Amino acid sequence: KKELVAYHEAGHAVVGALIPDYDQVQKVTIIPRSNGAGGLTFFAPSDSRLESGMYSKQYLESQLVVALGGRLAEEIIFGEDHVTTGASNDIQQVASIAKRMVKQWGMSNKVGRA
């Protein structure tokens, strides 16, 4: 299990590090968290991003990609048939961000812009 969690968290970290103008990786751990997560990859947002509280469509799309990086790492290393439910929180996060992008912020070419 620790090996799978390590690859999963590394997937988040590597994808985040490869995306231009994304938050810096601050911490990666495979120590289980009290909230049920098997590990954690923490990104430190820039001060300007935190102060403004405003996020570009590009940044939000990057968040979607980084959130799915752990699941992708599981698929690459262990195969599509051996992915786990470990990414369930990541998938919930992606669904929440994508829904808000469309419904709240009008960031959809197909549904319409705000």
N, C-alpha and C. Protein backbone atom coordinates (compact mmCIF):
# COMPACT_ATOMS: atom_id res chain seq x y z
N LYS A 1 0.82 -1.20 0.00
CA LYS A 1 0.00 0.00 0.00
C LYS A 1 0.86 1.26 0.00
N LYS A 2 1.93 1.28 0.77
CA LYS A 2 2.80 2.45 0.84
C LYS A 2 3.40 2.77 -0.53
N GLU A 3 3.74 1.73 -1.28
CA GLU A 3 4.31 1.94 -2.60
C GLU A 3 3.30 2.61 -3.52
N LEU A 4 2.07 2.14 -3.48
CA LEU A 4 1.02 2.73 -4.32
C LEU A 4 0.78 4.19 -3.93
N VAL A 5 0.70 4.47 -2.63
CA VAL A 5 0.49 5.84 -2.17
C VAL A 5 1.67 6.72 -2.59
N ALA A 6 2.88 6.18 -2.51
CA ALA A 6 4.06 6.95 -2.92
C ALA A 6 3.99 7.33 -4.39
N TYR A 7 3.63 6.38 -5.24
CA TYR A 7 3.50 6.69 -6.67
C TYR A 7 2.36 7.68 -6.91
N HIS A 8 1.26 7.50 -6.19
CA HIS A 8 0.10 8.39 -6.35
C HIS A 8 0.50 9.83 -6.02
N GLU A 9 1.11 10.02 -4.86
CA GLU A 9 1.51 11.37 -4.44
C GLU A 9 2.60 11.94 -5.34
N ALA A 10 3.51 11.08 -5.78
CA ALA A 10 4.55 11.53 -6.72
C ALA A 10 3.92 12.00 -8.02
N GLY A 11 2.84 11.34 -8.44
CA GLY A 11 2.14 11.76 -9.65
C GLY A 11 1.63 13.19 -9.54
N HIS A 12 1.02 13.52 -8.40
CA HIS A 12 0.57 14.90 -8.17
C HIS A 12 1.76 15.87 -8.24
N ALA A 13 2.83 15.52 -7.54
CA ALA A 13 3.99 16.41 -7.43
C ALA A 13 4.67 16.63 -8.78
N VAL A 14 4.87 15.56 -9.53
CA VAL A 14 5.55 15.67 -10.83
C VAL A 14 4.71 16.48 -11.81
N VAL A 15 3.42 16.18 -11.88
CA VAL A 15 2.55 16.93 -12.80
C VAL A 15 2.52 18.40 -12.41
N GLY A 16 2.40 18.68 -11.12
CA GLY A 16 2.40 20.07 -10.67
C GLY A 16 3.69 20.79 -10.99
N ALA A 17 4.81 20.09 -10.84
CA ALA A 17 6.11 20.70 -11.12
C ALA A 17 6.31 20.97 -12.61
N LEU A 18 5.66 20.18 -13.45
CA LEU A 18 5.83 20.33 -14.90
C LEU A 18 4.92 21.40 -15.52
N ILE A 19 3.91 21.83 -14.79
CA ILE A 19 2.98 22.82 -15.33
C ILE A 19 3.55 24.22 -15.09
N PRO A 20 3.74 24.98 -16.18
CA PRO A 20 4.27 26.34 -16.02
C PRO A 20 3.33 27.22 -15.18
N ASP A 21 3.89 28.07 -14.37
CA ASP A 21 3.15 29.05 -13.57
C ASP A 21 2.15 28.40 -12.61
N TYR A 22 2.47 27.21 -12.12
CA TYR A 22 1.63 26.56 -11.13
C TYR A 22 2.29 26.72 -9.76
N ASP A 23 1.55 26.43 -8.72
CA ASP A 23 2.07 26.55 -7.36
C ASP A 23 3.26 25.60 -7.14
N GLN A 24 4.16 26.01 -6.26
CA GLN A 24 5.34 25.20 -5.95
C GLN A 24 4.96 24.05 -5.01
N VAL A 25 5.57 22.89 -5.25
CA VAL A 25 5.38 21.77 -4.33
C VAL A 25 6.07 22.14 -3.02
N GLN A 26 5.31 22.07 -1.93
CA GLN A 26 5.84 22.43 -0.61
C GLN A 26 6.19 21.17 0.20
N LYS A 27 5.32 20.15 0.10
CA LYS A 27 5.51 18.96 0.92
C LYS A 27 4.81 17.77 0.26
N VAL A 28 5.48 16.62 0.34
CA VAL A 28 4.87 15.36 -0.10
C VAL A 28 5.09 14.35 1.02
N THR A 29 4.02 13.68 1.43
CA THR A 29 4.14 12.67 2.47
C THR A 29 3.25 11.48 2.14
N ILE A 30 3.67 10.30 2.57
CA ILE A 30 2.84 9.11 2.42
C ILE A 30 2.32 8.66 3.77
N ILE A 31 2.50 9.49 4.78
CA ILE A 31 1.96 9.20 6.10
C ILE A 31 0.46 9.45 6.05
N PRO A 32 -0.34 8.45 6.44
CA PRO A 32 -1.80 8.61 6.37
C PRO A 32 -2.28 9.82 7.19
N ARG A 33 -3.28 10.51 6.67
CA ARG A 33 -3.84 11.67 7.35
C ARG A 33 -5.08 11.26 8.14
N SER A 34 -5.44 12.07 9.11
CA SER A 34 -6.61 11.76 9.94
C SER A 34 -7.92 11.82 9.16
N ASN A 35 -7.91 12.54 8.02
CA ASN A 35 -9.13 12.65 7.21
C ASN A 35 -9.32 11.45 6.28
N GLY A 36 -8.46 10.44 6.40
CA GLY A 36 -8.61 9.24 5.60
C GLY A 36 -7.73 9.19 4.37
N ALA A 37 -7.08 10.31 4.04
CA ALA A 37 -6.20 10.31 2.87
C ALA A 37 -4.96 9.48 3.17
N GLY A 38 -4.52 8.72 2.17
CA GLY A 38 -3.35 7.87 2.34
C GLY A 38 -2.06 8.64 2.34
N GLY A 39 -2.06 9.82 1.80
CA GLY A 39 -0.88 10.67 1.73
C GLY A 39 -1.32 12.08 1.38
N LEU A 40 -0.35 12.94 1.13
CA LEU A 40 -0.67 14.33 0.85
C LEU A 40 0.43 14.96 0.02
N THR A 41 0.05 15.70 -0.99
CA THR A 41 0.97 16.57 -1.72
C THR A 41 0.45 17.98 -1.54
N PHE A 42 1.26 18.81 -0.91
CA PHE A 42 0.84 20.17 -0.60
C PHE A 42 1.56 21.15 -1.51
N PHE A 43 0.78 22.00 -2.16
CA PHE A 43 1.32 23.05 -3.03
C PHE A 43 1.13 24.39 -2.34
N ALA A 44 2.16 25.23 -2.39
CA ALA A 44 2.09 26.55 -1.77
C ALA A 44 1.75 27.59 -2.84
N PRO A 45 0.54 28.15 -2.79
CA PRO A 45 0.16 29.18 -3.76
C PRO A 45 1.02 30.44 -3.57
N SER A 46 1.21 31.17 -4.63
CA SER A 46 1.97 32.42 -4.54
C SER A 46 1.20 33.43 -3.71
N ASP A 47 1.91 34.36 -3.12
CA ASP A 47 1.28 35.40 -2.30
C ASP A 47 0.27 36.21 -3.11
N SER A 48 0.65 36.53 -4.35
CA SER A 48 -0.25 37.34 -5.18
C SER A 48 -1.55 36.60 -5.48
N ARG A 49 -1.46 35.29 -5.67
CA ARG A 49 -2.66 34.49 -5.94
C ARG A 49 -3.54 34.44 -4.69
N LEU A 50 -2.91 34.29 -3.53
CA LEU A 50 -3.66 34.25 -2.28
C LEU A 50 -4.31 35.59 -1.96
N GLU A 51 -3.57 36.66 -2.19
CA GLU A 51 -4.08 38.00 -1.87
C GLU A 51 -5.25 38.39 -2.75
N SER A 52 -5.16 38.08 -4.04
CA SER A 52 -6.22 38.50 -4.96
C SER A 52 -7.47 37.63 -4.81
N GLY A 53 -7.28 36.35 -4.50
CA GLY A 53 -8.41 35.44 -4.41
C GLY A 53 -9.06 35.16 -5.75
N MET A 54 -8.41 35.60 -6.83
CA MET A 54 -8.95 35.38 -8.17
C MET A 54 -8.05 34.39 -8.91
N TYR A 55 -8.69 33.49 -9.65
CA TYR A 55 -7.96 32.45 -10.34
C TYR A 55 -8.33 32.44 -11.82
N SER A 56 -7.33 32.32 -12.66
CA SER A 56 -7.57 32.29 -14.10
C SER A 56 -8.10 30.92 -14.51
N LYS A 57 -8.72 30.89 -15.68
CA LYS A 57 -9.19 29.62 -16.24
C LYS A 57 -8.01 28.67 -16.40
N GLN A 58 -6.88 29.20 -16.83
CA GLN A 58 -5.68 28.38 -17.01
C GLN A 58 -5.24 27.75 -15.68
N TYR A 59 -5.27 28.51 -14.62
CA TYR A 59 -4.88 28.00 -13.31
C TYR A 59 -5.85 26.92 -12.84
N LEU A 60 -7.14 27.17 -13.01
CA LEU A 60 -8.14 26.18 -12.60
C LEU A 60 -8.01 24.88 -13.40
N GLU A 61 -7.75 25.00 -14.69
CA GLU A 61 -7.53 23.81 -15.51
C GLU A 61 -6.28 23.07 -15.05
N SER A 62 -5.27 23.82 -14.63
CA SER A 62 -4.05 23.20 -14.10
C SER A 62 -4.37 22.44 -12.81
N GLN A 63 -5.25 22.99 -11.98
CA GLN A 63 -5.66 22.29 -10.76
C GLN A 63 -6.32 20.95 -11.10
N LEU A 64 -7.12 20.94 -12.15
CA LEU A 64 -7.77 19.70 -12.58
C LEU A 64 -6.73 18.66 -12.98
N VAL A 65 -5.75 19.10 -13.76
CA VAL A 65 -4.71 18.20 -14.25
C VAL A 65 -3.88 17.65 -13.08
N VAL A 66 -3.48 18.53 -12.17
CA VAL A 66 -2.66 18.10 -11.02
C VAL A 66 -3.45 17.12 -10.14
N ALA A 67 -4.72 17.39 -9.94
CA ALA A 67 -5.54 16.51 -9.11
C ALA A 67 -5.63 15.11 -9.70
N LEU A 68 -5.60 15.00 -11.02
CA LEU A 68 -5.68 13.69 -11.67
C LEU A 68 -4.32 13.04 -11.86
N GLY A 69 -3.25 13.76 -11.52
CA GLY A 69 -1.90 13.23 -11.68
C GLY A 69 -1.64 11.97 -10.86
N GLY A 70 -2.24 11.89 -9.67
CA GLY A 70 -2.06 10.70 -8.84
C GLY A 70 -2.69 9.47 -9.47
N ARG A 71 -3.89 9.63 -9.97
CA ARG A 71 -4.58 8.51 -10.64
C ARG A 71 -3.81 8.08 -11.88
N LEU A 72 -3.30 9.05 -12.62
CA LEU A 72 -2.51 8.74 -13.81
C LEU A 72 -1.27 7.93 -13.45
N ALA A 73 -0.60 8.33 -12.38
CA ALA A 73 0.59 7.59 -11.95
C ALA A 73 0.24 6.15 -11.60
N GLU A 74 -0.89 5.96 -10.92
CA GLU A 74 -1.34 4.59 -10.60
C GLU A 74 -1.54 3.78 -11.88
N GLU A 75 -2.18 4.38 -12.88
CA GLU A 75 -2.43 3.67 -14.15
C GLU A 75 -1.12 3.33 -14.85
N ILE A 76 -0.19 4.28 -14.89
CA ILE A 76 1.09 4.04 -15.58
C ILE A 76 1.89 2.94 -14.90
N ILE A 77 1.97 2.97 -13.59
CA ILE A 77 2.81 2.02 -12.85
C ILE A 77 2.15 0.66 -12.68
N PHE A 78 0.88 0.64 -12.31
CA PHE A 78 0.22 -0.62 -11.96
C PHE A 78 -0.74 -1.14 -13.02
N GLY A 79 -1.06 -0.34 -14.02
CA GLY A 79 -1.97 -0.75 -15.08
C GLY A 79 -3.39 -0.31 -14.79
N GLU A 80 -4.13 -0.10 -15.86
CA GLU A 80 -5.50 0.42 -15.77
C GLU A 80 -6.41 -0.47 -14.92
N ASP A 81 -6.18 -1.78 -14.98
CA ASP A 81 -7.03 -2.70 -14.23
C ASP A 81 -6.70 -2.75 -12.74
N HIS A 82 -5.63 -2.08 -12.32
CA HIS A 82 -5.21 -2.15 -10.91
C HIS A 82 -5.24 -0.80 -10.21
N VAL A 83 -5.94 0.18 -10.78
CA VAL A 83 -6.08 1.45 -10.08
C VAL A 83 -6.98 1.22 -8.87
N THR A 84 -6.87 2.10 -7.89
CA THR A 84 -7.59 1.91 -6.64
C THR A 84 -8.62 3.03 -6.43
N THR A 85 -9.32 2.92 -5.34
CA THR A 85 -10.26 3.97 -4.94
C THR A 85 -9.55 5.12 -4.26
N GLY A 86 -8.22 5.04 -4.18
CA GLY A 86 -7.44 6.08 -3.51
C GLY A 86 -7.60 7.46 -4.12
N ALA A 87 -8.02 7.53 -5.37
CA ALA A 87 -8.18 8.82 -6.04
C ALA A 87 -9.59 9.37 -5.89
N SER A 88 -10.42 8.76 -5.07
CA SER A 88 -11.82 9.20 -4.99
C SER A 88 -11.95 10.66 -4.55
N ASN A 89 -11.14 11.09 -3.59
CA ASN A 89 -11.19 12.49 -3.16
C ASN A 89 -10.72 13.41 -4.27
N ASP A 90 -9.70 12.98 -5.01
CA ASP A 90 -9.20 13.77 -6.14
C ASP A 90 -10.29 13.94 -7.20
N ILE A 91 -11.03 12.87 -7.47
CA ILE A 91 -12.08 12.92 -8.47
C ILE A 91 -13.22 13.82 -8.00
N GLN A 92 -13.53 13.78 -6.71
CA GLN A 92 -14.55 14.69 -6.17
C GLN A 92 -14.09 16.15 -6.31
N GLN A 93 -12.82 16.40 -6.05
CA GLN A 93 -12.27 17.75 -6.17
C GLN A 93 -12.36 18.23 -7.61
N VAL A 94 -12.00 17.37 -8.55
CA VAL A 94 -12.07 17.72 -9.98
C VAL A 94 -13.51 18.04 -10.38
N ALA A 95 -14.44 17.20 -9.95
CA ALA A 95 -15.85 17.42 -10.29
C ALA A 95 -16.34 18.75 -9.72
N SER A 96 -15.95 19.05 -8.50
CA SER A 96 -16.37 20.30 -7.87
C SER A 96 -15.81 21.52 -8.60
N ILE A 97 -14.53 21.50 -8.93
CA ILE A 97 -13.92 22.63 -9.63
C ILE A 97 -14.54 22.80 -11.01
N ALA A 98 -14.68 21.69 -11.75
CA ALA A 98 -15.24 21.75 -13.10
C ALA A 98 -16.68 22.27 -13.08
N LYS A 99 -17.44 21.83 -12.11
CA LYS A 99 -18.84 22.29 -11.98
C LYS A 99 -18.89 23.79 -11.72
N ARG A 100 -18.05 24.27 -10.81
CA ARG A 100 -18.03 25.71 -10.51
C ARG A 100 -17.53 26.52 -11.71
N MET A 101 -16.57 25.96 -12.46
CA MET A 101 -16.08 26.66 -13.64
C MET A 101 -17.21 26.92 -14.62
N VAL A 102 -18.10 25.96 -14.77
CA VAL A 102 -19.21 26.10 -15.72
C VAL A 102 -20.37 26.90 -15.11
N LYS A 103 -20.83 26.48 -13.94
CA LYS A 103 -22.06 27.06 -13.36
C LYS A 103 -21.87 28.41 -12.69
N GLN A 104 -20.76 28.61 -12.00
CA GLN A 104 -20.57 29.86 -11.26
C GLN A 104 -19.77 30.90 -12.03
N TRP A 105 -18.74 30.41 -12.74
CA TRP A 105 -17.80 31.35 -13.34
C TRP A 105 -17.94 31.47 -14.85
N GLY A 106 -18.83 30.73 -15.47
CA GLY A 106 -19.08 30.85 -16.91
C GLY A 106 -17.89 30.56 -17.78
N MET A 107 -17.07 29.59 -17.38
CA MET A 107 -15.83 29.30 -18.11
C MET A 107 -16.02 28.10 -19.05
N SER A 108 -17.07 28.14 -19.86
CA SER A 108 -17.33 27.07 -20.78
C SER A 108 -17.69 27.63 -22.15
N ASN A 109 -16.99 27.18 -23.18
CA ASN A 109 -17.30 27.62 -24.53
C ASN A 109 -18.62 27.00 -25.02
N LYS A 110 -18.94 25.80 -24.56
CA LYS A 110 -20.14 25.10 -25.03
C LYS A 110 -21.40 25.57 -24.30
N VAL A 111 -21.30 25.77 -22.98
CA VAL A 111 -22.47 26.16 -22.21
C VAL A 111 -22.67 27.67 -22.24
N GLY A 112 -21.60 28.37 -22.34
CA GLY A 112 -21.69 29.83 -22.40
C GLY A 112 -20.77 30.50 -21.41
N ARG A 113 -20.38 31.68 -21.75
CA ARG A 113 -19.49 32.45 -20.89
C ARG A 113 -20.29 33.43 -20.06
N ALA A 114 -19.73 33.76 -18.94
CA ALA A 114 -20.41 34.72 -18.03
C ALA A 114 -20.34 36.12 -18.63
